[in-house]
Amino acid sequence: MYEIWLALNILWEIALDVWPLIAAGALLWAVLMATAARRSGRGWGRGLPLALGVGLLVAVAAFALLPGLTRSSLGELRYWVDWANLLMMAAGFGAIAAAFAWPLASMRGKPA
């Protein structure tokens, strides 16, 4: 349990350091969602399958690449908390990619 609490505290401290970037990303996402809602009308869910595919692709890539980016390897992951952290980080990257791809995919091919 201590390791999970430690990981959450580290995540919080990192978020405190980059909160302007997080806020700018959230604002960009909100603008994209509002634009997509206005442009796509009832076809809002049309872009969801593509967005989920993009999110899954990004999550798989992040799972494979994150250990190398941190100067580690999959062989170094010996404890279940390490695997859980890697899975959650990859899922987070995938969720963010899907969240940004959804409004873009729903606006695809629609006139302004």
PDB file of N, CA and C in Angstrom:
ATOM      1  N   MET A   1       0.823  -1.198   0.000  1.00  0.00           N
ATOM      2  CA  MET A   1       0.000   0.000   0.000  1.00  0.00           C
ATOM      3  C   MET A   1       0.870   1.267   0.000  1.00  0.00           C
ATOM      4  N   TYR A   2       2.003   1.183   0.687  1.00  0.00           N
ATOM      5  CA  TYR A   2       2.889   2.339   0.751  1.00  0.00           C
ATOM      6  C   TYR A   2       3.368   2.750  -0.638  1.00  0.00           C
ATOM      7  N   GLU A   3       3.661   1.759  -1.487  1.00  0.00           N
ATOM      8  CA  GLU A   3       4.179   2.063  -2.815  1.00  0.00           C
ATOM      9  C   GLU A   3       3.151   2.790  -3.663  1.00  0.00           C
ATOM     10  N   ILE A   4       1.888   2.401  -3.521  1.00  0.00           N
ATOM     11  CA  ILE A   4       0.824   3.068  -4.274  1.00  0.00           C
ATOM     12  C   ILE A   4       0.681   4.508  -3.799  1.00  0.00           C
ATOM     13  N   TRP A   5       0.686   4.720  -2.489  1.00  0.00           N
ATOM     14  CA  TRP A   5       0.591   6.071  -1.931  1.00  0.00           C
ATOM     15  C   TRP A   5       1.782   6.919  -2.372  1.00  0.00           C
ATOM     16  N   LEU A   6       2.954   6.323  -2.396  1.00  0.00           N
ATOM     17  CA  LEU A   6       4.149   7.042  -2.838  1.00  0.00           C
ATOM     18  C   LEU A   6       4.023   7.445  -4.306  1.00  0.00           C
ATOM     19  N   ALA A   7       3.542   6.531  -5.135  1.00  0.00           N
ATOM     20  CA  ALA A   7       3.369   6.843  -6.560  1.00  0.00           C
ATOM     21  C   ALA A   7       2.356   7.970  -6.752  1.00  0.00           C
ATOM     22  N   LEU A   8       1.271   7.950  -5.996  1.00  0.00           N
ATOM     23  CA  LEU A   8       0.281   9.030  -6.096  1.00  0.00           C
ATOM     24  C   LEU A   8       0.852  10.370  -5.635  1.00  0.00           C
ATOM     25  N   ASN A   9       1.652  10.355  -4.595  1.00  0.00           N
ATOM     26  CA  ASN A   9       2.285  11.595  -4.133  1.00  0.00           C
ATOM     27  C   ASN A   9       3.272  12.136  -5.162  1.00  0.00           C
ATOM     28  N   ILE A  10       4.030  11.257  -5.784  1.00  0.00           N
ATOM     29  CA  ILE A  10       4.964  11.686  -6.827  1.00  0.00           C
ATOM     30  C   ILE A  10       4.193  12.280  -8.003  1.00  0.00           C
ATOM     31  N   LEU A  11       3.105  11.621  -8.402  1.00  0.00           N
ATOM     32  CA  LEU A  11       2.268  12.134  -9.483  1.00  0.00           C
ATOM     33  C   LEU A  11       1.723  13.518  -9.143  1.00  0.00           C
ATOM     34  N   TRP A  12       1.273  13.701  -7.919  1.00  0.00           N
ATOM     35  CA  TRP A  12       0.754  15.003  -7.487  1.00  0.00           C
ATOM     36  C   TRP A  12       1.833  16.075  -7.545  1.00  0.00           C
ATOM     37  N   GLU A  13       3.025  15.763  -7.088  1.00  0.00           N
ATOM     38  CA  GLU A  13       4.117  16.737  -7.104  1.00  0.00           C
ATOM     39  C   GLU A  13       4.516  17.110  -8.534  1.00  0.00           C
ATOM     40  N   ILE A  14       4.515  16.140  -9.422  1.00  0.00           N
ATOM     41  CA  ILE A  14       4.818  16.439 -10.823  1.00  0.00           C
ATOM     42  C   ILE A  14       3.733  17.329 -11.409  1.00  0.00           C
ATOM     43  N   ALA A  15       2.472  17.019 -11.096  1.00  0.00           N
ATOM     44  CA  ALA A  15       1.357  17.829 -11.606  1.00  0.00           C
ATOM     45  C   ALA A  15       1.438  19.264 -11.087  1.00  0.00           C
ATOM     46  N   LEU A  16       1.873  19.446  -9.856  1.00  0.00           N
ATOM     47  CA  LEU A  16       2.026  20.803  -9.328  1.00  0.00           C
ATOM     48  C   LEU A  16       3.071  21.599 -10.100  1.00  0.00           C
ATOM     49  N   ASP A  17       4.111  20.916 -10.566  1.00  0.00           N
ATOM     50  CA  ASP A  17       5.161  21.598 -11.324  1.00  0.00           C
ATOM     51  C   ASP A  17       4.718  21.993 -12.724  1.00  0.00           C
ATOM     52  N   VAL A  18       3.820  21.225 -13.321  1.00  0.00           N
ATOM     53  CA  VAL A  18       3.438  21.475 -14.713  1.00  0.00           C
ATOM     54  C   VAL A  18       1.966  21.863 -14.848  1.00  0.00           C
ATOM     55  N   TRP A  19       1.379  22.417 -13.805  1.00  0.00           N
ATOM     56  CA  TRP A  19      -0.054  22.731 -13.855  1.00  0.00           C
ATOM     57  C   TRP A  19      -0.415  23.718 -14.961  1.00  0.00           C
ATOM     58  N   PRO A  20       0.425  24.688 -15.325  1.00  0.00           N
ATOM     59  CA  PRO A  20       0.025  25.547 -16.446  1.00  0.00           C
ATOM     60  C   PRO A  20      -0.117  24.766 -17.754  1.00  0.00           C
ATOM     61  N   LEU A  21       0.759  23.793 -17.967  1.00  0.00           N
ATOM     62  CA  LEU A  21       0.676  22.950 -19.153  1.00  0.00           C
ATOM     63  C   LEU A  21      -0.593  22.100 -19.125  1.00  0.00           C
ATOM     64  N   ILE A  22      -0.930  21.572 -17.959  1.00  0.00           N
ATOM     65  CA  ILE A  22      -2.153  20.777 -17.813  1.00  0.00           C
ATOM     66  C   ILE A  22      -3.378  21.650 -18.063  1.00  0.00           C
ATOM     67  N   ALA A  23      -3.367  22.852 -17.531  1.00  0.00           N
ATOM     68  CA  ALA A  23      -4.496  23.770 -17.731  1.00  0.00           C
ATOM     69  C   ALA A  23      -4.634  24.151 -19.203  1.00  0.00           C
ATOM     70  N   ALA A  24      -3.523  24.406 -19.881  1.00  0.00           N
ATOM     71  CA  ALA A  24      -3.574  24.742 -21.313  1.00  0.00           C
ATOM     72  C   ALA A  24      -4.095  23.564 -22.130  1.00  0.00           C
ATOM     73  N   GLY A  25      -3.672  22.356 -21.795  1.00  0.00           N
ATOM     74  CA  GLY A  25      -4.174  21.172 -22.480  1.00  0.00           C
ATOM     75  C   GLY A  25      -5.665  20.974 -22.262  1.00  0.00           C
ATOM     76  N   ALA A  26      -6.124  21.209 -21.026  1.00  0.00           N
ATOM     77  CA  ALA A  26      -7.553  21.081 -20.730  1.00  0.00           C
ATOM     78  C   ALA A  26      -8.359  22.138 -21.486  1.00  0.00           C
ATOM     79  N   LEU A  27      -7.836  23.345 -21.583  1.00  0.00           N
ATOM     80  CA  LEU A  27      -8.515  24.402 -22.323  1.00  0.00           C
ATOM     81  C   LEU A  27      -8.577  24.071 -23.820  1.00  0.00           C
ATOM     82  N   LEU A  28      -7.477  23.581 -24.371  1.00  0.00           N
ATOM     83  CA  LEU A  28      -7.458  23.178 -25.780  1.00  0.00           C
ATOM     84  C   LEU A  28      -8.467  22.066 -26.031  1.00  0.00           C
ATOM     85  N   TRP A  29      -8.530  21.090 -25.125  1.00  0.00           N
ATOM     86  CA  TRP A  29      -9.480  19.991 -25.274  1.00  0.00           C
ATOM     87  C   TRP A  29     -10.922  20.503 -25.217  1.00  0.00           C
ATOM     88  N   ALA A  30     -11.200  21.432 -24.300  1.00  0.00           N
ATOM     89  CA  ALA A  30     -12.547  21.990 -24.189  1.00  0.00           C
ATOM     90  C   ALA A  30     -12.944  22.741 -25.457  1.00  0.00           C
ATOM     91  N   VAL A  31     -12.001  23.495 -26.028  1.00  0.00           N
ATOM     92  CA  VAL A  31     -12.281  24.214 -27.278  1.00  0.00           C
ATOM     93  C   VAL A  31     -12.536  23.216 -28.411  1.00  0.00           C
ATOM     94  N   LEU A  32     -11.730  22.169 -28.493  1.00  0.00           N
ATOM     95  CA  LEU A  32     -11.944  21.146 -29.521  1.00  0.00           C
ATOM     96  C   LEU A  32     -13.308  20.472 -29.357  1.00  0.00           C
ATOM     97  N   MET A  33     -13.679  20.161 -28.125  1.00  0.00           N
ATOM     98  CA  MET A  33     -14.966  19.508 -27.880  1.00  0.00           C
ATOM     99  C   MET A  33     -16.123  20.434 -28.258  1.00  0.00           C
ATOM    100  N   ALA A  34     -16.019  21.713 -27.905  1.00  0.00           N
ATOM    101  CA  ALA A  34     -17.087  22.664 -28.240  1.00  0.00           C
ATOM    102  C   ALA A  34     -17.193  22.839 -29.757  1.00  0.00           C
ATOM    103  N   THR A  35     -16.064  22.931 -30.423  1.00  0.00           N
ATOM    104  CA  THR A  35     -16.073  23.066 -31.881  1.00  0.00           C
ATOM    105  C   THR A  35     -16.661  21.825 -32.537  1.00  0.00           C
ATOM    106  N   ALA A  36     -16.285  20.670 -32.044  1.00  0.00           N
ATOM    107  CA  ALA A  36     -16.807  19.421 -32.611  1.00  0.00           C
ATOM    108  C   ALA A  36     -18.300  19.289 -32.361  1.00  0.00           C
ATOM    109  N   ALA A  37     -18.760  19.688 -31.191  1.00  0.00           N
ATOM    110  CA  ALA A  37     -20.190  19.605 -30.890  1.00  0.00           C
ATOM    111  C   ALA A  37     -20.987  20.520 -31.814  1.00  0.00           C
ATOM    112  N   ARG A  38     -20.440  21.682 -32.096  1.00  0.00           N
ATOM    113  CA  ARG A  38     -21.113  22.630 -32.970  1.00  0.00           C
ATOM    114  C   ARG A  38     -21.104  22.149 -34.422  1.00  0.00           C
ATOM    115  N   ARG A  39     -19.975  21.598 -34.865  1.00  0.00           N
ATOM    116  CA  ARG A  39     -19.839  21.208 -36.273  1.00  0.00           C
ATOM    117  C   ARG A  39     -20.451  19.855 -36.597  1.00  0.00           C
ATOM    118  N   SER A  40     -20.395  18.914 -35.654  1.00  0.00           N
ATOM    119  CA  SER A  40     -20.824  17.564 -36.005  1.00  0.00           C
ATOM    120  C   SER A  40     -22.303  17.317 -35.740  1.00  0.00           C
ATOM    121  N   GLY A  41     -22.941  18.127 -34.931  1.00  0.00           N
ATOM    122  CA  GLY A  41     -24.367  17.963 -34.671  1.00  0.00           C
ATOM    123  C   GLY A  41     -24.684  16.604 -34.090  1.00  0.00           C
ATOM    124  N   ARG A  42     -25.559  15.851 -34.764  1.00  0.00           N
ATOM    125  CA  ARG A  42     -25.960  14.533 -34.263  1.00  0.00           C
ATOM    126  C   ARG A  42     -24.934  13.439 -34.561  1.00  0.00           C
ATOM    127  N   GLY A  43     -23.927  13.741 -35.346  1.00  0.00           N
ATOM    128  CA  GLY A  43     -22.904  12.752 -35.677  1.00  0.00           C
ATOM    129  C   GLY A  43     -21.772  12.698 -34.679  1.00  0.00           C
ATOM    130  N   TRP A  44     -22.055  13.080 -33.457  1.00  0.00           N
ATOM    131  CA  TRP A  44     -21.042  13.199 -32.414  1.00  0.00           C
ATOM    132  C   TRP A  44     -20.340  11.874 -32.129  1.00  0.00           C
ATOM    133  N   GLY A  45     -21.081  10.785 -32.054  1.00  0.00           N
ATOM    134  CA  GLY A  45     -20.479   9.501 -31.730  1.00  0.00           C
ATOM    135  C   GLY A  45     -19.780   8.838 -32.904  1.00  0.00           C
ATOM    136  N   ARG A  46     -19.877   9.436 -34.071  1.00  0.00           N
ATOM    137  CA  ARG A  46     -19.284   8.879 -35.281  1.00  0.00           C
ATOM    138  C   ARG A  46     -17.772   8.738 -35.172  1.00  0.00           C
ATOM    139  N   GLY A  47     -17.125   9.642 -34.483  1.00  0.00           N
ATOM    140  CA  GLY A  47     -15.672   9.602 -34.383  1.00  0.00           C
ATOM    141  C   GLY A  47     -15.145   8.769 -33.240  1.00  0.00           C
ATOM    142  N   LEU A  48     -16.033   8.237 -32.393  1.00  0.00           N
ATOM    143  CA  LEU A  48     -15.585   7.496 -31.214  1.00  0.00           C
ATOM    144  C   LEU A  48     -14.802   6.228 -31.556  1.00  0.00           C
ATOM    145  N   PRO A  49     -15.226   5.391 -32.501  1.00  0.00           N
ATOM    146  CA  PRO A  49     -14.424   4.190 -32.789  1.00  0.00           C
ATOM    147  C   PRO A  49     -13.001   4.514 -33.243  1.00  0.00           C
ATOM    148  N   LEU A  50     -12.846   5.514 -34.076  1.00  0.00           N
ATOM    149  CA  LEU A  50     -11.509   5.909 -34.519  1.00  0.00           C
ATOM    150  C   LEU A  50     -10.684   6.432 -33.345  1.00  0.00           C
ATOM    151  N   ALA A  51     -11.308   7.232 -32.492  1.00  0.00           N
ATOM    152  CA  ALA A  51     -10.602   7.784 -31.331  1.00  0.00           C
ATOM    153  C   ALA A  51     -10.162   6.679 -30.376  1.00  0.00           C
ATOM    154  N   LEU A  52     -11.010   5.677 -30.168  1.00  0.00           N
ATOM    155  CA  LEU A  52     -10.638   4.566 -29.292  1.00  0.00           C
ATOM    156  C   LEU A  52      -9.496   3.754 -29.905  1.00  0.00           C
ATOM    157  N   GLY A  53      -9.503   3.604 -31.214  1.00  0.00           N
ATOM    158  CA  GLY A  53      -8.395   2.923 -31.887  1.00  0.00           C
ATOM    159  C   GLY A  53      -7.086   3.675 -31.737  1.00  0.00           C
ATOM    160  N   VAL A  54      -7.147   4.989 -31.888  1.00  0.00           N
ATOM    161  CA  VAL A  54      -5.946   5.818 -31.690  1.00  0.00           C
ATOM    162  C   VAL A  54      -5.465   5.697 -30.249  1.00  0.00           C
ATOM    163  N   GLY A  55      -6.395   5.750 -29.296  1.00  0.00           N
ATOM    164  CA  GLY A  55      -6.029   5.629 -27.889  1.00  0.00           C
ATOM    165  C   GLY A  55      -5.383   4.294 -27.576  1.00  0.00           C
ATOM    166  N   LEU A  56      -5.916   3.212 -28.139  1.00  0.00           N
ATOM    167  CA  LEU A  56      -5.342   1.886 -27.912  1.00  0.00           C
ATOM    168  C   LEU A  56      -3.951   1.790 -28.521  1.00  0.00           C
ATOM    169  N   LEU A  57      -3.780   2.322 -29.717  1.00  0.00           N
ATOM    170  CA  LEU A  57      -2.468   2.310 -30.363  1.00  0.00           C
ATOM    171  C   LEU A  57      -1.442   3.097 -29.543  1.00  0.00           C
ATOM    172  N   VAL A  58      -1.830   4.255 -29.050  1.00  0.00           N
ATOM    173  CA  VAL A  58      -0.921   5.069 -28.231  1.00  0.00           C
ATOM    174  C   VAL A  58      -0.606   4.356 -26.915  1.00  0.00           C
ATOM    175  N   ALA A  59      -1.594   3.705 -26.310  1.00  0.00           N
ATOM    176  CA  ALA A  59      -1.364   2.994 -25.044  1.00  0.00           C
ATOM    177  C   ALA A  59      -0.377   1.843 -25.236  1.00  0.00           C
ATOM    178  N   VAL A  60      -0.521   1.094 -26.315  1.00  0.00           N
ATOM    179  CA  VAL A  60       0.405  -0.018 -26.580  1.00  0.00           C
ATOM    180  C   VAL A  60       1.814   0.517 -26.833  1.00  0.00           C
ATOM    181  N   ALA A  61       1.905   1.586 -27.614  1.00  0.00           N
ATOM    182  CA  ALA A  61       3.216   2.184 -27.877  1.00  0.00           C
ATOM    183  C   ALA A  61       3.840   2.722 -26.591  1.00  0.00           C
ATOM    184  N   ALA A  62       3.036   3.364 -25.758  1.00  0.00           N
ATOM    185  CA  ALA A  62       3.561   3.897 -24.496  1.00  0.00           C
ATOM    186  C   ALA A  62       4.022   2.764 -23.583  1.00  0.00           C
ATOM    187  N   PHE A  63       3.277   1.657 -23.556  1.00  0.00           N
ATOM    188  CA  PHE A  63       3.674   0.516 -22.729  1.00  0.00           C
ATOM    189  C   PHE A  63       5.041   0.000 -23.159  1.00  0.00           C
ATOM    190  N   ALA A  64       5.279  -0.031 -24.459  1.00  0.00           N
ATOM    191  CA  ALA A  64       6.551  -0.543 -24.962  1.00  0.00           C
ATOM    192  C   ALA A  64       7.690   0.467 -24.819  1.00  0.00           C
ATOM    193  N   LEU A  65       7.375   1.765 -24.951  1.00  0.00           N
ATOM    194  CA  LEU A  65       8.436   2.779 -25.001  1.00  0.00           C
ATOM    195  C   LEU A  65       8.772   3.423 -23.658  1.00  0.00           C
ATOM    196  N   LEU A  66       7.831   3.473 -22.730  1.00  0.00           N
ATOM    197  CA  LEU A  66       8.080   4.180 -21.469  1.00  0.00           C
ATOM    198  C   LEU A  66       9.275   3.648 -20.679  1.00  0.00           C
ATOM    199  N   PRO A  67       9.448   2.341 -20.534  1.00  0.00           N
ATOM    200  CA  PRO A  67      10.635   1.907 -19.780  1.00  0.00           C
ATOM    201  C   PRO A  67      11.941   2.404 -20.387  1.00  0.00           C
ATOM    202  N   GLY A  68      12.059   2.371 -21.703  1.00  0.00           N
ATOM    203  CA  GLY A  68      13.270   2.863 -22.354  1.00  0.00           C
ATOM    204  C   GLY A  68      13.463   4.358 -22.187  1.00  0.00           C
ATOM    205  N   LEU A  69      12.355   5.102 -22.183  1.00  0.00           N
ATOM    206  CA  LEU A  69      12.456   6.550 -22.007  1.00  0.00           C
ATOM    207  C   LEU A  69      12.901   6.935 -20.603  1.00  0.00           C
ATOM    208  N   THR A  70      12.714   6.032 -19.652  1.00  0.00           N
ATOM    209  CA  THR A  70      13.146   6.295 -18.281  1.00  0.00           C
ATOM    210  C   THR A  70      14.469   5.589 -17.968  1.00  0.00           C
ATOM    211  N   ARG A  71      15.165   5.167 -19.030  1.00  0.00           N
ATOM    212  CA  ARG A  71      16.457   4.468 -18.913  1.00  0.00           C
ATOM    213  C   ARG A  71      16.324   3.184 -18.085  1.00  0.00           C
ATOM    214  N   SER A  72      15.250   2.473 -18.345  1.00  0.00           N
ATOM    215  CA  SER A  72      15.002   1.202 -17.692  1.00  0.00           C
ATOM    216  C   SER A  72      14.666   0.182 -18.776  1.00  0.00           C
ATOM    217  N   SER A  73      14.090  -0.932 -18.388  1.00  0.00           N
ATOM    218  CA  SER A  73      13.651  -1.937 -19.354  1.00  0.00           C
ATOM    219  C   SER A  73      12.537  -2.754 -18.713  1.00  0.00           C
ATOM    220  N   LEU A  74      11.839  -3.528 -19.541  1.00  0.00           N
ATOM    221  CA  LEU A  74      10.782  -4.383 -19.000  1.00  0.00           C
ATOM    222  C   LEU A  74      11.364  -5.430 -18.057  1.00  0.00           C
ATOM    223  N   GLY A  75      12.606  -5.806 -18.241  1.00  0.00           N
ATOM    224  CA  GLY A  75      13.262  -6.770 -17.362  1.00  0.00           C
ATOM    225  C   GLY A  75      13.462  -6.254 -15.944  1.00  0.00           C
ATOM    226  N   GLU A  76      13.460  -4.950 -15.783  1.00  0.00           N
ATOM    227  CA  GLU A  76      13.635  -4.353 -14.455  1.00  0.00           C
ATOM    228  C   GLU A  76      12.346  -4.353 -13.635  1.00  0.00           C
ATOM    229  N   LEU A  77      11.225  -4.631 -14.277  1.00  0.00           N
ATOM    230  CA  LEU A  77       9.941  -4.609 -13.577  1.00  0.00           C
ATOM    231  C   LEU A  77       9.728  -5.954 -12.890  1.00  0.00           C
ATOM    232  N   ARG A  78      10.056  -5.998 -11.617  1.00  0.00           N
ATOM    233  CA  ARG A  78       9.977  -7.259 -10.893  1.00  0.00           C
ATOM    234  C   ARG A  78       8.841  -7.292  -9.878  1.00  0.00           C
ATOM    235  N   TYR A  79       8.287  -6.163  -9.557  1.00  0.00           N
ATOM    236  CA  TYR A  79       7.283  -6.064  -8.498  1.00  0.00           C
ATOM    237  C   TYR A  79       5.959  -5.669  -9.134  1.00  0.00           C
ATOM    238  N   TRP A  80       4.842  -6.147  -8.603  1.00  0.00           N
ATOM    239  CA  TRP A  80       3.544  -5.901  -9.229  1.00  0.00           C
ATOM    240  C   TRP A  80       3.214  -4.416  -9.294  1.00  0.00           C
ATOM    241  N   VAL A  81       3.712  -3.635  -8.353  1.00  0.00           N
ATOM    242  CA  VAL A  81       3.437  -2.199  -8.364  1.00  0.00           C
ATOM    243  C   VAL A  81       4.124  -1.540  -9.559  1.00  0.00           C
ATOM    244  N   ASP A  82       5.303  -2.026  -9.934  1.00  0.00           N
ATOM    245  CA  ASP A  82       5.987  -1.500 -11.118  1.00  0.00           C
ATOM    246  C   ASP A  82       5.148  -1.739 -12.368  1.00  0.00           C
ATOM    247  N   TRP A  83       4.612  -2.961 -12.497  1.00  0.00           N
ATOM    248  CA  TRP A  83       3.763  -3.279 -13.645  1.00  0.00           C
ATOM    249  C   TRP A  83       2.487  -2.452 -13.628  1.00  0.00           C
ATOM    250  N   ALA A  84       1.902  -2.288 -12.441  1.00  0.00           N
ATOM    251  CA  ALA A  84       0.671  -1.489 -12.331  1.00  0.00           C
ATOM    252  C   ALA A  84       0.940  -0.038 -12.720  1.00  0.00           C
ATOM    253  N   ASN A  85       2.058   0.511 -12.274  1.00  0.00           N
ATOM    254  CA  ASN A  85       2.410   1.888 -12.641  1.00  0.00           C
ATOM    255  C   ASN A  85       2.612   2.023 -14.147  1.00  0.00           C
ATOM    256  N   LEU A  86       3.305   1.069 -14.751  1.00  0.00           N
ATOM    257  CA  LEU A  86       3.520   1.117 -16.200  1.00  0.00           C
ATOM    258  C   LEU A  86       2.192   1.022 -16.948  1.00  0.00           C
ATOM    259  N   LEU A  87       1.330   0.096 -16.523  1.00  0.00           N
ATOM    260  CA  LEU A  87       0.021  -0.043 -17.161  1.00  0.00           C
ATOM    261  C   LEU A  87      -0.807   1.232 -17.029  1.00  0.00           C
ATOM    262  N   MET A  88      -0.800   1.846 -15.853  1.00  0.00           N
ATOM    263  CA  MET A  88      -1.586   3.066 -15.639  1.00  0.00           C
ATOM    264  C   MET A  88      -1.021   4.247 -16.418  1.00  0.00           C
ATOM    265  N   MET A  89       0.305   4.349 -16.502  1.00  0.00           N
ATOM    266  CA  MET A  89       0.888   5.425 -17.305  1.00  0.00           C
ATOM    267  C   MET A  89       0.543   5.252 -18.777  1.00  0.00           C
ATOM    268  N   ALA A  90       0.639   4.018 -19.284  1.00  0.00           N
ATOM    269  CA  ALA A  90       0.297   3.756 -20.681  1.00  0.00           C
ATOM    270  C   ALA A  90      -1.183   4.020 -20.921  1.00  0.00           C
ATOM    271  N   ALA A  91      -2.031   3.608 -19.985  1.00  0.00           N
ATOM    272  CA  ALA A  91      -3.468   3.861 -20.120  1.00  0.00           C
ATOM    273  C   ALA A  91      -3.761   5.359 -20.092  1.00  0.00           C
ATOM    274  N   GLY A  92      -3.029   6.111 -19.287  1.00  0.00           N
ATOM    275  CA  GLY A  92      -3.209   7.556 -19.239  1.00  0.00           C
ATOM    276  C   GLY A  92      -2.856   8.220 -20.559  1.00  0.00           C
ATOM    277  N   PHE A  93      -1.731   7.809 -21.141  1.00  0.00           N
ATOM    278  CA  PHE A  93      -1.365   8.347 -22.451  1.00  0.00           C
ATOM    279  C   PHE A  93      -2.410   7.981 -23.501  1.00  0.00           C
ATOM    280  N   GLY A  94      -2.902   6.745 -23.437  1.00  0.00           N
ATOM    281  CA  GLY A  94      -3.928   6.319 -24.384  1.00  0.00           C
ATOM    282  C   GLY A  94      -5.226   7.088 -24.210  1.00  0.00           C
ATOM    283  N   ALA A  95      -5.613   7.336 -22.960  1.00  0.00           N
ATOM    284  CA  ALA A  95      -6.850   8.086 -22.695  1.00  0.00           C
ATOM    285  C   ALA A  95      -6.737   9.525 -23.185  1.00  0.00           C
ATOM    286  N   ILE A  96      -5.590  10.138 -22.974  1.00  0.00           N
ATOM    287  CA  ILE A  96      -5.391  11.510 -23.446  1.00  0.00           C
ATOM    288  C   ILE A  96      -5.425  11.557 -24.971  1.00  0.00           C
ATOM    289  N   ALA A  97      -4.775  10.590 -25.605  1.00  0.00           N
ATOM    290  CA  ALA A  97      -4.785  10.546 -27.075  1.00  0.00           C
ATOM    291  C   ALA A  97      -6.208  10.350 -27.593  1.00  0.00           C
ATOM    292  N   ALA A  98      -6.970   9.458 -26.961  1.00  0.00           N
ATOM    293  CA  ALA A  98      -8.358   9.232 -27.387  1.00  0.00           C
ATOM    294  C   ALA A  98      -9.210  10.471 -27.157  1.00  0.00           C
ATOM    295  N   ALA A  99      -8.981  11.158 -26.041  1.00  0.00           N
ATOM    296  CA  ALA A  99      -9.763  12.359 -25.732  1.00  0.00           C
ATOM    297  C   ALA A  99      -9.520  13.460 -26.759  1.00  0.00           C
ATOM    298  N   PHE A 100      -8.285  13.596 -27.227  1.00  0.00           N
ATOM    299  CA  PHE A 100      -8.002  14.618 -28.240  1.00  0.00           C
ATOM    300  C   PHE A 100      -8.390  14.155 -29.638  1.00  0.00           C
ATOM    301  N   ALA A 101      -8.342  12.844 -29.891  1.00  0.00           N
ATOM    302  CA  ALA A 101      -8.696  12.338 -31.215  1.00  0.00           C
ATOM    303  C   ALA A 101     -10.204  12.334 -31.437  1.00  0.00           C
ATOM    304  N   TRP A 102     -10.990  12.211 -30.375  1.00  0.00           N
ATOM    305  CA  TRP A 102     -12.443  12.102 -30.535  1.00  0.00           C
ATOM    306  C   TRP A 102     -13.067  13.313 -31.219  1.00  0.00           C
ATOM    307  N   PRO A 103     -12.831  14.539 -30.722  1.00  0.00           N
ATOM    308  CA  PRO A 103     -13.439  15.671 -31.427  1.00  0.00           C
ATOM    309  C   PRO A 103     -12.894  15.844 -32.841  1.00  0.00           C
ATOM    310  N   LEU A 104     -11.631  15.567 -33.038  1.00  0.00           N
ATOM    311  CA  LEU A 104     -11.042  15.688 -34.377  1.00  0.00           C
ATOM    312  C   LEU A 104     -11.652  14.659 -35.320  1.00  0.00           C
ATOM    313  N   ALA A 105     -11.840  13.434 -34.841  1.00  0.00           N
ATOM    314  CA  ALA A 105     -12.427  12.392 -35.683  1.00  0.00           C
ATOM    315  C   ALA A 105     -13.895  12.659 -35.957  1.00  0.00           C
ATOM    316  N   SER A 106     -14.607  13.246 -35.019  1.00  0.00           N
ATOM    317  CA  SER A 106     -16.032  13.523 -35.251  1.00  0.00           C
ATOM    318  C   SER A 106     -16.229  14.676 -36.215  1.00  0.00           C
ATOM    319  N   MET A 107     -15.245  15.571 -36.341  1.00  0.00           N
ATOM    320  CA  MET A 107     -15.333  16.675 -37.293  1.00  0.00           C
ATOM    321  C   MET A 107     -14.834  16.291 -38.680  1.00  0.00           C
ATOM    322  N   ARG A 108     -14.237  15.119 -38.812  1.00  0.00           N
ATOM    323  CA  ARG A 108     -13.636  14.682 -40.065  1.00  0.00           C
ATOM    324  C   ARG A 108     -14.685  14.637 -41.176  1.00  0.00           C
ATOM    325  N   GLY A 109     -14.414  15.343 -42.232  1.00  0.00           N
ATOM    326  CA  GLY A 109     -15.266  15.311 -43.402  1.00  0.00           C
ATOM    327  C   GLY A 109     -16.511  16.172 -43.319  1.00  0.00           C
ATOM    328  N   LYS A 110     -16.678  16.914 -42.233  1.00  0.00           N
ATOM    329  CA  LYS A 110     -17.860  17.766 -42.102  1.00  0.00           C
ATOM    330  C   LYS A 110     -17.531  19.184 -42.578  1.00  0.00           C
ATOM    331  N   PRO A 111     -18.407  19.811 -43.341  1.00  0.00           N
ATOM    332  CA  PRO A 111     -18.143  21.194 -43.765  1.00  0.00           C
ATOM    333  C   PRO A 111     -18.296  22.164 -42.596  1.00  0.00           C
ATOM    334  N   ALA A 112     -17.603  23.278 -42.680  1.00  0.00           N
ATOM    335  CA  ALA A 112     -17.641  24.275 -41.607  1.00  0.00           C
ATOM    336  C   ALA A 112     -18.958  25.028 -41.578  1.00  0.00           C
TER     337      ALA A 112
END
